[in-house]
mmCIF file of all heavy atoms, coordinates in Angstrom:
data_MODEL
# 
_entry.id   MODEL 
# 
loop_
_atom_site.group_PDB 
_atom_site.id 
_atom_site.type_symbol 
_atom_site.label_atom_id 
_atom_site.label_alt_id 
_atom_site.label_comp_id 
_atom_site.label_asym_id 
_atom_site.label_entity_id 
_atom_site.label_seq_id 
_atom_site.pdbx_PDB_ins_code 
_atom_site.Cartn_x 
_atom_site.Cartn_y 
_atom_site.Cartn_z 
_atom_site.occupancy 
_atom_site.B_iso_or_equiv 
_atom_site.pdbx_formal_charge 
_atom_site.auth_seq_id 
_atom_site.auth_comp_id 
_atom_site.auth_asym_id 
_atom_site.auth_atom_id 
_atom_site.pdbx_PDB_model_num 
ATOM 1   N N   . THR A 1 1  ? 102.788 78.881 17.913 1.00 0.00 ? 1  THR A N   1 
ATOM 2   C CA  . THR A 1 1  ? 104.098 79.459 17.822 1.00 0.00 ? 1  THR A CA  1 
ATOM 3   C C   . THR A 1 1  ? 104.106 80.689 16.925 1.00 0.00 ? 1  THR A C   1 
ATOM 4   O O   . THR A 1 1  ? 103.246 80.792 15.952 1.00 0.00 ? 1  THR A O   1 
ATOM 5   C CB  . THR A 1 1  ? 105.148 78.496 17.337 1.00 0.00 ? 1  THR A CB  1 
ATOM 6   O OG1 . THR A 1 1  ? 106.481 79.102 17.413 1.00 0.00 ? 1  THR A OG1 1 
ATOM 7   C CG2 . THR A 1 1  ? 104.889 78.024 15.937 1.00 0.00 ? 1  THR A CG2 1 
ATOM 8   N N   . HIS A 1 2  ? 105.070 81.571 17.078 1.00 0.00 ? 2  HIS A N   1 
ATOM 9   C CA  . HIS A 1 2  ? 105.330 82.711 16.215 1.00 0.00 ? 2  HIS A CA  1 
ATOM 10  C C   . HIS A 1 2  ? 106.629 82.476 15.482 1.00 0.00 ? 2  HIS A C   1 
ATOM 11  O O   . HIS A 1 2  ? 107.113 83.240 14.755 1.00 0.00 ? 2  HIS A O   1 
ATOM 12  C CB  . HIS A 1 2  ? 105.335 84.038 16.901 1.00 0.00 ? 2  HIS A CB  1 
ATOM 13  C CG  . HIS A 1 2  ? 103.977 84.493 17.318 1.00 0.00 ? 2  HIS A CG  1 
ATOM 14  N ND1 . HIS A 1 2  ? 103.453 84.180 18.576 1.00 0.00 ? 2  HIS A ND1 1 
ATOM 15  C CD2 . HIS A 1 2  ? 103.011 85.235 16.641 1.00 0.00 ? 2  HIS A CD2 1 
ATOM 16  C CE1 . HIS A 1 2  ? 102.258 84.725 18.590 1.00 0.00 ? 2  HIS A CE1 1 
ATOM 17  N NE2 . HIS A 1 2  ? 101.967 85.324 17.501 1.00 0.00 ? 2  HIS A NE2 1 
ATOM 18  N N   . ILE A 1 3  ? 107.200 81.273 15.662 1.00 0.00 ? 3  ILE A N   1 
ATOM 19  C CA  . ILE A 1 3  ? 108.511 80.913 15.078 1.00 0.00 ? 3  ILE A CA  1 
ATOM 20  C C   . ILE A 1 3  ? 108.211 80.436 13.637 1.00 0.00 ? 3  ILE A C   1 
ATOM 21  O O   . ILE A 1 3  ? 107.828 79.317 13.373 1.00 0.00 ? 3  ILE A O   1 
ATOM 22  C CB  . ILE A 1 3  ? 109.274 79.815 15.847 1.00 0.00 ? 3  ILE A CB  1 
ATOM 23  C CG1 . ILE A 1 3  ? 109.503 80.304 17.325 1.00 0.00 ? 3  ILE A CG1 1 
ATOM 24  C CG2 . ILE A 1 3  ? 110.573 79.457 15.126 1.00 0.00 ? 3  ILE A CG2 1 
ATOM 25  C CD1 . ILE A 1 3  ? 110.207 79.205 18.198 1.00 0.00 ? 3  ILE A CD1 1 
ATOM 26  N N   . TYR A 1 4  ? 108.423 81.355 12.698 1.00 0.00 ? 4  TYR A N   1 
ATOM 27  C CA  . TYR A 1 4  ? 108.086 81.104 11.329 1.00 0.00 ? 4  TYR A CA  1 
ATOM 28  C C   . TYR A 1 4  ? 108.864 79.899 10.794 1.00 0.00 ? 4  TYR A C   1 
ATOM 29  O O   . TYR A 1 4  ? 108.281 79.014 10.079 1.00 0.00 ? 4  TYR A O   1 
ATOM 30  C CB  . TYR A 1 4  ? 108.407 82.337 10.467 1.00 0.00 ? 4  TYR A CB  1 
ATOM 31  C CG  . TYR A 1 4  ? 108.156 82.098 8.980  1.00 0.00 ? 4  TYR A CG  1 
ATOM 32  C CD1 . TYR A 1 4  ? 106.930 81.975 8.427  1.00 0.00 ? 4  TYR A CD1 1 
ATOM 33  C CD2 . TYR A 1 4  ? 109.271 81.961 8.131  1.00 0.00 ? 4  TYR A CD2 1 
ATOM 34  C CE1 . TYR A 1 4  ? 106.689 81.764 7.101  1.00 0.00 ? 4  TYR A CE1 1 
ATOM 35  C CE2 . TYR A 1 4  ? 109.086 81.706 6.759  1.00 0.00 ? 4  TYR A CE2 1 
ATOM 36  C CZ  . TYR A 1 4  ? 107.841 81.608 6.225  1.00 0.00 ? 4  TYR A CZ  1 
ATOM 37  O OH  . TYR A 1 4  ? 107.624 81.280 4.936  1.00 0.00 ? 4  TYR A OH  1 
ATOM 38  N N   . GLU A 1 5  ? 110.150 79.803 11.030 1.00 0.00 ? 5  GLU A N   1 
ATOM 39  C CA  . GLU A 1 5  ? 110.915 78.727 10.481 1.00 0.00 ? 5  GLU A CA  1 
ATOM 40  C C   . GLU A 1 5  ? 110.443 77.359 10.911 1.00 0.00 ? 5  GLU A C   1 
ATOM 41  O O   . GLU A 1 5  ? 110.403 76.451 10.150 1.00 0.00 ? 5  GLU A O   1 
ATOM 42  C CB  . GLU A 1 5  ? 112.415 78.917 11.044 1.00 0.00 ? 5  GLU A CB  1 
ATOM 43  C CG  . GLU A 1 5  ? 113.414 77.906 10.465 1.00 0.00 ? 5  GLU A CG  1 
ATOM 44  C CD  . GLU A 1 5  ? 114.798 78.152 10.920 1.00 0.00 ? 5  GLU A CD  1 
ATOM 45  O OE1 . GLU A 1 5  ? 115.278 79.305 11.117 1.00 0.00 ? 5  GLU A OE1 1 
ATOM 46  O OE2 . GLU A 1 5  ? 115.517 77.146 11.119 1.00 0.00 ? 5  GLU A OE2 1 
ATOM 47  N N   . LEU A 1 6  ? 109.966 77.263 12.105 1.00 0.00 ? 6  LEU A N   1 
ATOM 48  C CA  . LEU A 1 6  ? 109.384 75.988 12.601 1.00 0.00 ? 6  LEU A CA  1 
ATOM 49  C C   . LEU A 1 6  ? 108.111 75.729 11.886 1.00 0.00 ? 6  LEU A C   1 
ATOM 50  O O   . LEU A 1 6  ? 107.918 74.599 11.354 1.00 0.00 ? 6  LEU A O   1 
ATOM 51  C CB  . LEU A 1 6  ? 109.117 76.162 14.132 1.00 0.00 ? 6  LEU A CB  1 
ATOM 52  C CG  . LEU A 1 6  ? 108.284 75.040 14.782 1.00 0.00 ? 6  LEU A CG  1 
ATOM 53  C CD1 . LEU A 1 6  ? 109.077 73.713 14.756 1.00 0.00 ? 6  LEU A CD1 1 
ATOM 54  C CD2 . LEU A 1 6  ? 107.852 75.385 16.219 1.00 0.00 ? 6  LEU A CD2 1 
ATOM 55  N N   . ALA A 1 7  ? 107.160 76.643 11.879 1.00 0.00 ? 7  ALA A N   1 
ATOM 56  C CA  . ALA A 1 7  ? 105.846 76.408 11.286 1.00 0.00 ? 7  ALA A CA  1 
ATOM 57  C C   . ALA A 1 7  ? 105.983 76.131 9.785  1.00 0.00 ? 7  ALA A C   1 
ATOM 58  O O   . ALA A 1 7  ? 105.369 75.205 9.216  1.00 0.00 ? 7  ALA A O   1 
ATOM 59  C CB  . ALA A 1 7  ? 104.915 77.620 11.555 1.00 0.00 ? 7  ALA A CB  1 
ATOM 60  N N   . HIS A 1 8  ? 106.762 76.963 9.126  1.00 0.00 ? 8  HIS A N   1 
ATOM 61  C CA  . HIS A 1 8  ? 106.937 76.769 7.669  1.00 0.00 ? 8  HIS A CA  1 
ATOM 62  C C   . HIS A 1 8  ? 107.587 75.495 7.287  1.00 0.00 ? 8  HIS A C   1 
ATOM 63  O O   . HIS A 1 8  ? 107.287 74.848 6.310  1.00 0.00 ? 8  HIS A O   1 
ATOM 64  C CB  . HIS A 1 8  ? 107.633 77.963 7.023  1.00 0.00 ? 8  HIS A CB  1 
ATOM 65  C CG  . HIS A 1 8  ? 107.445 78.058 5.570  1.00 0.00 ? 8  HIS A CG  1 
ATOM 66  N ND1 . HIS A 1 8  ? 108.404 77.657 4.752  1.00 0.00 ? 8  HIS A ND1 1 
ATOM 67  C CD2 . HIS A 1 8  ? 106.443 78.472 4.828  1.00 0.00 ? 8  HIS A CD2 1 
ATOM 68  C CE1 . HIS A 1 8  ? 107.967 77.769 3.490  1.00 0.00 ? 8  HIS A CE1 1 
ATOM 69  N NE2 . HIS A 1 8  ? 106.762 78.306 3.518  1.00 0.00 ? 8  HIS A NE2 1 
ATOM 70  N N   . GLY A 1 9  ? 108.574 75.055 8.116  1.00 0.00 ? 9  GLY A N   1 
ATOM 71  C CA  . GLY A 1 9  ? 109.278 73.781 7.884  1.00 0.00 ? 9  GLY A CA  1 
ATOM 72  C C   . GLY A 1 9  ? 108.301 72.612 7.910  1.00 0.00 ? 9  GLY A C   1 
ATOM 73  O O   . GLY A 1 9  ? 108.362 71.756 7.052  1.00 0.00 ? 9  GLY A O   1 
ATOM 74  N N   . PHE A 1 10 ? 107.421 72.570 8.880  1.00 0.00 ? 10 PHE A N   1 
ATOM 75  C CA  . PHE A 1 10 ? 106.446 71.538 8.909  1.00 0.00 ? 10 PHE A CA  1 
ATOM 76  C C   . PHE A 1 10 ? 105.377 71.680 7.739  1.00 0.00 ? 10 PHE A C   1 
ATOM 77  O O   . PHE A 1 10 ? 104.968 70.738 7.136  1.00 0.00 ? 10 PHE A O   1 
ATOM 78  C CB  . PHE A 1 10 ? 105.643 71.468 10.194 1.00 0.00 ? 10 PHE A CB  1 
ATOM 79  C CG  . PHE A 1 10 ? 106.397 70.668 11.319 1.00 0.00 ? 10 PHE A CG  1 
ATOM 80  C CD1 . PHE A 1 10 ? 107.118 71.325 12.280 1.00 0.00 ? 10 PHE A CD1 1 
ATOM 81  C CD2 . PHE A 1 10 ? 106.317 69.336 11.281 1.00 0.00 ? 10 PHE A CD2 1 
ATOM 82  C CE1 . PHE A 1 10 ? 107.811 70.613 13.296 1.00 0.00 ? 10 PHE A CE1 1 
ATOM 83  C CE2 . PHE A 1 10 ? 107.037 68.564 12.198 1.00 0.00 ? 10 PHE A CE2 1 
ATOM 84  C CZ  . PHE A 1 10 ? 107.749 69.243 13.175 1.00 0.00 ? 10 PHE A CZ  1 
ATOM 85  N N   . TYR A 1 11 ? 105.030 72.920 7.453  1.00 0.00 ? 11 TYR A N   1 
ATOM 86  C CA  . TYR A 1 11 ? 104.075 73.193 6.345  1.00 0.00 ? 11 TYR A CA  1 
ATOM 87  C C   . TYR A 1 11 ? 104.634 72.628 5.045  1.00 0.00 ? 11 TYR A C   1 
ATOM 88  O O   . TYR A 1 11 ? 103.902 72.025 4.222  1.00 0.00 ? 11 TYR A O   1 
ATOM 89  C CB  . TYR A 1 11 ? 103.841 74.700 6.226  1.00 0.00 ? 11 TYR A CB  1 
ATOM 90  C CG  . TYR A 1 11 ? 102.784 75.005 5.203  1.00 0.00 ? 11 TYR A CG  1 
ATOM 91  C CD1 . TYR A 1 11 ? 101.451 74.900 5.439  1.00 0.00 ? 11 TYR A CD1 1 
ATOM 92  C CD2 . TYR A 1 11 ? 103.186 75.472 3.906  1.00 0.00 ? 11 TYR A CD2 1 
ATOM 93  C CE1 . TYR A 1 11 ? 100.494 75.189 4.466  1.00 0.00 ? 11 TYR A CE1 1 
ATOM 94  C CE2 . TYR A 1 11 ? 102.260 75.728 2.972  1.00 0.00 ? 11 TYR A CE2 1 
ATOM 95  C CZ  . TYR A 1 11 ? 100.890 75.667 3.244  1.00 0.00 ? 11 TYR A CZ  1 
ATOM 96  O OH  . TYR A 1 11 ? 99.972  75.954 2.290  1.00 0.00 ? 11 TYR A OH  1 
ATOM 97  N N   . GLU A 1 12 ? 105.903 72.822 4.817  1.00 0.00 ? 12 GLU A N   1 
ATOM 98  C CA  . GLU A 1 12 ? 106.534 72.427 3.515  1.00 0.00 ? 12 GLU A CA  1 
ATOM 99  C C   . GLU A 1 12 ? 106.515 70.895 3.374  1.00 0.00 ? 12 GLU A C   1 
ATOM 100 O O   . GLU A 1 12 ? 106.653 70.376 2.289  1.00 0.00 ? 12 GLU A O   1 
ATOM 101 C CB  . GLU A 1 12 ? 107.972 72.889 3.398  1.00 0.00 ? 12 GLU A CB  1 
ATOM 102 C CG  . GLU A 1 12 ? 108.069 74.388 3.084  1.00 0.00 ? 12 GLU A CG  1 
ATOM 103 C CD  . GLU A 1 12 ? 109.462 74.895 2.907  1.00 0.00 ? 12 GLU A CD  1 
ATOM 104 O OE1 . GLU A 1 12 ? 110.350 74.393 3.622  1.00 0.00 ? 12 GLU A OE1 1 
ATOM 105 O OE2 . GLU A 1 12 ? 109.647 75.791 2.056  1.00 0.00 ? 12 GLU A OE2 1 
ATOM 106 N N   . LYS A 1 13 ? 106.393 70.155 4.466  1.00 0.00 ? 13 LYS A N   1 
ATOM 107 C CA  . LYS A 1 13 ? 106.387 68.715 4.383  1.00 0.00 ? 13 LYS A CA  1 
ATOM 108 C C   . LYS A 1 13 ? 104.986 68.154 3.881  1.00 0.00 ? 13 LYS A C   1 
ATOM 109 O O   . LYS A 1 13 ? 104.925 67.018 3.546  1.00 0.00 ? 13 LYS A O   1 
ATOM 110 C CB  . LYS A 1 13 ? 106.628 68.124 5.785  1.00 0.00 ? 13 LYS A CB  1 
ATOM 111 C CG  . LYS A 1 13 ? 108.014 68.312 6.225  1.00 0.00 ? 13 LYS A CG  1 
ATOM 112 C CD  . LYS A 1 13 ? 108.370 67.657 7.628  1.00 0.00 ? 13 LYS A CD  1 
ATOM 113 C CE  . LYS A 1 13 ? 109.732 67.891 7.973  1.00 0.00 ? 13 LYS A CE  1 
ATOM 114 N NZ  . LYS A 1 13 ? 110.049 67.122 9.111  1.00 0.00 ? 13 LYS A NZ  1 
ATOM 115 N N   . ARG A 1 14 ? 104.013 69.067 3.818  1.00 0.00 ? 14 ARG A N   1 
ATOM 116 C CA  . ARG A 1 14 ? 102.645 68.716 3.317  1.00 0.00 ? 14 ARG A CA  1 
ATOM 117 C C   . ARG A 1 14 ? 102.131 67.423 3.968  1.00 0.00 ? 14 ARG A C   1 
ATOM 118 O O   . ARG A 1 14 ? 101.629 66.544 3.274  1.00 0.00 ? 14 ARG A O   1 
ATOM 119 C CB  . ARG A 1 14 ? 102.753 68.565 1.803  1.00 0.00 ? 14 ARG A CB  1 
ATOM 120 C CG  . ARG A 1 14 ? 103.287 69.739 1.024  1.00 0.00 ? 14 ARG A CG  1 
ATOM 121 C CD  . ARG A 1 14 ? 102.289 70.904 0.981  1.00 0.00 ? 14 ARG A CD  1 
ATOM 122 N NE  . ARG A 1 14 ? 102.755 71.925 0.014  1.00 0.00 ? 14 ARG A NE  1 
ATOM 123 C CZ  . ARG A 1 14 ? 103.151 73.088 0.313  1.00 0.00 ? 14 ARG A CZ  1 
ATOM 124 N NH1 . ARG A 1 14 ? 103.183 73.467 1.609  1.00 0.00 ? 14 ARG A NH1 1 
ATOM 125 N NH2 . ARG A 1 14 ? 103.471 73.949 -0.608 1.00 0.00 ? 14 ARG A NH2 1 
ATOM 126 N N   . LEU A 1 15 ? 102.186 67.345 5.267  1.00 0.00 ? 15 LEU A N   1 
ATOM 127 C CA  . LEU A 1 15 ? 101.766 66.197 6.062  1.00 0.00 ? 15 LEU A CA  1 
ATOM 128 C C   . LEU A 1 15 ? 100.240 66.168 5.945  1.00 0.00 ? 15 LEU A C   1 
ATOM 129 O O   . LEU A 1 15 ? 99.529  67.146 6.241  1.00 0.00 ? 15 LEU A O   1 
ATOM 130 C CB  . LEU A 1 15 ? 102.189 66.280 7.513  1.00 0.00 ? 15 LEU A CB  1 
ATOM 131 C CG  . LEU A 1 15 ? 103.712 66.345 7.728  1.00 0.00 ? 15 LEU A CG  1 
ATOM 132 C CD1 . LEU A 1 15 ? 103.987 66.707 9.150  1.00 0.00 ? 15 LEU A CD1 1 
ATOM 133 C CD2 . LEU A 1 15 ? 104.382 65.111 7.264  1.00 0.00 ? 15 LEU A CD2 1 
ATOM 134 N N   . ALA A 1 16 ? 99.699  65.041 5.596  1.00 0.00 ? 16 ALA A N   1 
ATOM 135 C CA  . ALA A 1 16 ? 98.238  64.925 5.444  1.00 0.00 ? 16 ALA A CA  1 
ATOM 136 C C   . ALA A 1 16 ? 97.525  65.085 6.804  1.00 0.00 ? 16 ALA A C   1 
ATOM 137 O O   . ALA A 1 16 ? 96.329  65.489 6.815  1.00 0.00 ? 16 ALA A O   1 
ATOM 138 C CB  . ALA A 1 16 ? 97.888  63.509 4.854  1.00 0.00 ? 16 ALA A CB  1 
ATOM 139 N N   . THR A 1 17 ? 98.208  64.838 7.912  1.00 0.00 ? 17 THR A N   1 
ATOM 140 C CA  . THR A 1 17 ? 97.539  64.926 9.191  1.00 0.00 ? 17 THR A CA  1 
ATOM 141 C C   . THR A 1 17 ? 97.752  66.235 9.892  1.00 0.00 ? 17 THR A C   1 
ATOM 142 O O   . THR A 1 17 ? 97.310  66.492 11.018 1.00 0.00 ? 17 THR A O   1 
ATOM 143 C CB  . THR A 1 17 ? 98.024  63.762 10.058 1.00 0.00 ? 17 THR A CB  1 
ATOM 144 O OG1 . THR A 1 17 ? 99.452  63.899 10.174 1.00 0.00 ? 17 THR A OG1 1 
ATOM 145 C CG2 . THR A 1 17 ? 97.632  62.459 9.574  1.00 0.00 ? 17 THR A CG2 1 
ATOM 146 N N   . ALA A 1 18 ? 98.481  67.226 9.212  1.00 0.00 ? 18 ALA A N   1 
ATOM 147 C CA  . ALA A 1 18 ? 98.763  68.498 9.837  1.00 0.00 ? 18 ALA A CA  1 
ATOM 148 C C   . ALA A 1 18 ? 97.797  69.573 9.422  1.00 0.00 ? 18 ALA A C   1 
ATOM 149 O O   . ALA A 1 18 ? 97.403  69.616 8.249  1.00 0.00 ? 18 ALA A O   1 
ATOM 150 C CB  . ALA A 1 18 ? 100.196 68.921 9.480  1.00 0.00 ? 18 ALA A CB  1 
ATOM 151 N N   . ILE A 1 19 ? 97.377  70.422 10.337 1.00 0.00 ? 19 ILE A N   1 
ATOM 152 C CA  . ILE A 1 19 ? 96.503  71.549 10.082 1.00 0.00 ? 19 ILE A CA  1 
ATOM 153 C C   . ILE A 1 19 ? 97.202  72.790 10.563 1.00 0.00 ? 19 ILE A C   1 
ATOM 154 O O   . ILE A 1 19 ? 97.729  72.792 11.673 1.00 0.00 ? 19 ILE A O   1 
ATOM 155 C CB  . ILE A 1 19 ? 95.141  71.385 10.787 1.00 0.00 ? 19 ILE A CB  1 
ATOM 156 C CG1 . ILE A 1 19 ? 94.415  70.149 10.304 1.00 0.00 ? 19 ILE A CG1 1 
ATOM 157 C CG2 . ILE A 1 19 ? 94.270  72.642 10.531 1.00 0.00 ? 19 ILE A CG2 1 
ATOM 158 C CD1 . ILE A 1 19 ? 93.179  69.839 11.060 1.00 0.00 ? 19 ILE A CD1 1 
ATOM 159 N N   . PHE A 1 20 ? 97.260  73.819 9.741  1.00 0.00 ? 20 PHE A N   1 
ATOM 160 C CA  . PHE A 1 20 ? 97.909  75.058 10.073 1.00 0.00 ? 20 PHE A CA  1 
ATOM 161 C C   . PHE A 1 20 ? 96.807  76.182 10.219 1.00 0.00 ? 20 PHE A C   1 
ATOM 162 O O   . PHE A 1 20 ? 96.141  76.421 9.211  1.00 0.00 ? 20 PHE A O   1 
ATOM 163 C CB  . PHE A 1 20 ? 98.963  75.420 9.114  1.00 0.00 ? 20 PHE A CB  1 
ATOM 164 C CG  . PHE A 1 20 ? 100.133 74.461 9.090  1.00 0.00 ? 20 PHE A CG  1 
ATOM 165 C CD1 . PHE A 1 20 ? 100.044 73.322 8.310  1.00 0.00 ? 20 PHE A CD1 1 
ATOM 166 C CD2 . PHE A 1 20 ? 101.220 74.644 9.876  1.00 0.00 ? 20 PHE A CD2 1 
ATOM 167 C CE1 . PHE A 1 20 ? 101.087 72.374 8.368  1.00 0.00 ? 20 PHE A CE1 1 
ATOM 168 C CE2 . PHE A 1 20 ? 102.264 73.768 9.934  1.00 0.00 ? 20 PHE A CE2 1 
ATOM 169 C CZ  . PHE A 1 20 ? 102.150 72.608 9.164  1.00 0.00 ? 20 PHE A CZ  1 
ATOM 170 N N   . LEU A 1 21 ? 96.734  76.765 11.362 1.00 0.00 ? 21 LEU A N   1 
ATOM 171 C CA  . LEU A 1 21 ? 95.819  77.858 11.605 1.00 0.00 ? 21 LEU A CA  1 
ATOM 172 C C   . LEU A 1 21 ? 96.525  79.134 11.827 1.00 0.00 ? 21 LEU A C   1 
ATOM 173 O O   . LEU A 1 21 ? 97.564  79.170 12.409 1.00 0.00 ? 21 LEU A O   1 
ATOM 174 C CB  . LEU A 1 21 ? 94.954  77.486 12.827 1.00 0.00 ? 21 LEU A CB  1 
ATOM 175 C CG  . LEU A 1 21 ? 94.121  76.213 12.756 1.00 0.00 ? 21 LEU A CG  1 
ATOM 176 C CD1 . LEU A 1 21 ? 93.414  75.943 14.071 1.00 0.00 ? 21 LEU A CD1 1 
ATOM 177 C CD2 . LEU A 1 21 ? 93.138  76.249 11.583 1.00 0.00 ? 21 LEU A CD2 1 
ATOM 178 N N   . ARG A 1 22 ? 95.973  80.243 11.404 1.00 0.00 ? 22 ARG A N   1 
ATOM 179 C CA  . ARG A 1 22 ? 96.536  81.583 11.588 1.00 0.00 ? 22 ARG A CA  1 
ATOM 180 C C   . ARG A 1 22 ? 95.486  82.557 11.859 1.00 0.00 ? 22 ARG A C   1 
ATOM 181 O O   . ARG A 1 22 ? 94.299  82.290 11.558 1.00 0.00 ? 22 ARG A O   1 
ATOM 182 C CB  . ARG A 1 22 ? 97.408  81.950 10.423 1.00 0.00 ? 22 ARG A CB  1 
ATOM 183 C CG  . ARG A 1 22 ? 96.644  81.888 9.098  1.00 0.00 ? 22 ARG A CG  1 
ATOM 184 C CD  . ARG A 1 22 ? 97.505  82.065 7.862  1.00 0.00 ? 22 ARG A CD  1 
ATOM 185 N NE  . ARG A 1 22 ? 97.753  83.445 7.556  1.00 0.00 ? 22 ARG A NE  1 
ATOM 186 C CZ  . ARG A 1 22 ? 98.456  83.891 6.697  1.00 0.00 ? 22 ARG A CZ  1 
ATOM 187 N NH1 . ARG A 1 22 ? 99.125  83.069 5.843  1.00 0.00 ? 22 ARG A NH1 1 
ATOM 188 N NH2 . ARG A 1 22 ? 98.609  85.197 6.461  1.00 0.00 ? 22 ARG A NH2 1 
ATOM 189 N N   . ALA A 1 23 ? 95.809  83.650 12.404 1.00 0.00 ? 23 ALA A N   1 
ATOM 190 C CA  . ALA A 1 23 ? 94.850  84.763 12.601 1.00 0.00 ? 23 ALA A CA  1 
ATOM 191 C C   . ALA A 1 23 ? 94.434  85.337 11.285 1.00 0.00 ? 23 ALA A C   1 
ATOM 192 O O   . ALA A 1 23 ? 95.248  85.698 10.390 1.00 0.00 ? 23 ALA A O   1 
ATOM 193 C CB  . ALA A 1 23 ? 95.510  85.799 13.533 1.00 0.00 ? 23 ALA A CB  1 
ATOM 194 N N   . GLU A 1 24 ? 93.117  85.435 11.145 1.00 0.00 ? 24 GLU A N   1 
ATOM 195 C CA  . GLU A 1 24 ? 92.573  86.069 9.953  1.00 0.00 ? 24 GLU A CA  1 
ATOM 196 C C   . GLU A 1 24 ? 92.799  87.555 9.920  1.00 0.00 ? 24 GLU A C   1 
ATOM 197 O O   . GLU A 1 24 ? 92.644  88.260 10.999 1.00 0.00 ? 24 GLU A O   1 
ATOM 198 C CB  . GLU A 1 24 ? 91.074  85.793 9.860  1.00 0.00 ? 24 GLU A CB  1 
ATOM 199 C CG  . GLU A 1 24 ? 90.436  86.327 8.567  1.00 0.00 ? 24 GLU A CG  1 
ATOM 200 C CD  . GLU A 1 24 ? 88.945  86.059 8.546  1.00 0.00 ? 24 GLU A CD  1 
ATOM 201 O OE1 . GLU A 1 24 ? 88.213  86.458 9.458  1.00 0.00 ? 24 GLU A OE1 1 
ATOM 202 O OE2 . GLU A 1 24 ? 88.521  85.424 7.595  1.00 0.00 ? 24 GLU A OE2 1 
# 
């Protein structure tokens, strides 16, 4: 997704099972 609000909302939860990848 490019929906920042969605990705950042999950990122802020600091879920141990979540991985966030982005373009370098």
